[in-house]
Amino acid sequence: MTNKTKPSEEAPEPKREIDPRLLEILICPKTRGPLSYDRSKNELVSKRAKLAYPIRRGVPIMLPDEARKLG
């Protein structure tokens, strides 16, 4: 019998620093513009697209459908 936990029961992911070289090459897939790193929320932010792309387990999820809309 395996002991699987549901995503809502998992411990919060530890914050990891993003490699600055990665920020230099990544662009917003929607606007092709630059991204900034929001350390407190662990997201890559596109001000032009008004989207924040999550970083999960150290991997940026660069899909607009997965991004959080900014106010």
Protein backbone atom coordinates (compact mmCIF):
# COMPACT_ATOMS: atom_id res chain seq x y z
CA MET A 1 0.00 0.00 0.00
CA THR A 2 1.42 3.40 -0.98
CA ASN A 3 1.11 6.54 1.06
CA LYS A 4 0.18 9.22 -1.48
CA THR A 5 -0.71 12.72 -0.40
CA LYS A 6 -3.07 15.00 -2.23
CA PRO A 7 -1.61 18.24 -3.65
CA SER A 8 -3.48 20.24 -1.02
CA GLU A 9 -1.83 18.15 1.73
CA GLU A 10 1.74 18.61 0.48
CA ALA A 11 4.15 20.82 2.38
CA PRO A 12 4.84 24.18 0.74
CA GLU A 13 7.65 24.12 -1.78
CA PRO A 14 10.92 25.63 -0.51
CA LYS A 15 11.85 28.83 -2.33
CA ARG A 16 14.83 28.52 -4.66
CA GLU A 17 16.75 31.34 -6.24
CA ILE A 18 16.43 31.57 -9.99
CA ASP A 19 19.66 31.67 -11.95
CA PRO A 20 20.20 35.25 -13.24
CA ARG A 21 21.45 33.81 -16.55
CA LEU A 22 18.07 32.15 -17.00
CA LEU A 23 16.32 35.51 -16.58
CA GLU A 24 18.50 36.91 -19.35
CA ILE A 25 17.25 34.36 -21.90
CA LEU A 26 13.63 33.79 -20.87
CA ILE A 27 10.96 36.00 -22.40
CA CYS A 28 7.21 36.23 -22.01
CA PRO A 29 5.66 33.79 -24.50
CA LYS A 30 2.74 36.15 -25.06
CA THR A 31 4.52 39.50 -25.62
CA ARG A 32 8.10 38.35 -26.28
CA GLY A 33 9.06 40.98 -23.70
CA PRO A 34 11.31 40.79 -20.63
CA LEU A 35 10.41 39.13 -17.34
CA SER A 36 11.25 40.09 -13.79
CA TYR A 37 11.59 37.74 -10.84
CA ASP A 38 9.28 38.16 -7.85
CA ARG A 39 11.15 36.37 -5.08
CA SER A 40 8.34 36.64 -2.50
CA LYS A 41 5.80 34.91 -4.76
CA ASN A 42 8.29 32.72 -6.66
CA GLU A 43 7.03 33.92 -10.04
CA LEU A 44 8.31 35.42 -13.26
CA VAL A 45 6.36 38.58 -14.04
CA SER A 46 5.55 40.06 -17.42
CA LYS A 47 4.44 43.65 -16.82
CA ARG A 48 3.39 44.09 -20.44
CA ALA A 49 1.16 40.99 -20.48
CA LYS A 50 0.07 41.55 -16.87
CA LEU A 51 0.82 37.90 -16.13
CA ALA A 52 2.86 36.12 -13.45
CA TYR A 53 4.26 32.73 -14.44
CA PRO A 54 4.73 30.29 -11.55
CA ILE A 55 7.96 28.50 -10.76
CA ARG A 56 7.36 24.94 -9.59
CA ARG A 57 10.18 22.77 -8.24
CA GLY A 58 12.64 25.21 -9.73
CA VAL A 59 11.09 25.08 -13.23
CA PRO A 60 9.39 28.15 -14.72
CA ILE A 61 5.98 27.22 -16.14
CA MET A 62 5.84 29.44 -19.21
CA LEU A 63 2.27 28.71 -20.28
CA PRO A 64 -0.16 31.65 -20.38
CA ASP A 65 -2.98 29.34 -19.25
CA GLU A 66 -0.99 28.54 -16.08
CA ALA A 67 -0.11 32.18 -15.37
CA ARG A 68 -1.77 34.32 -12.72
CA LYS A 69 -3.40 37.49 -14.04
CA LEU A 70 -2.15 40.69 -12.46
CA GLY A 71 -4.58 43.45 -11.46
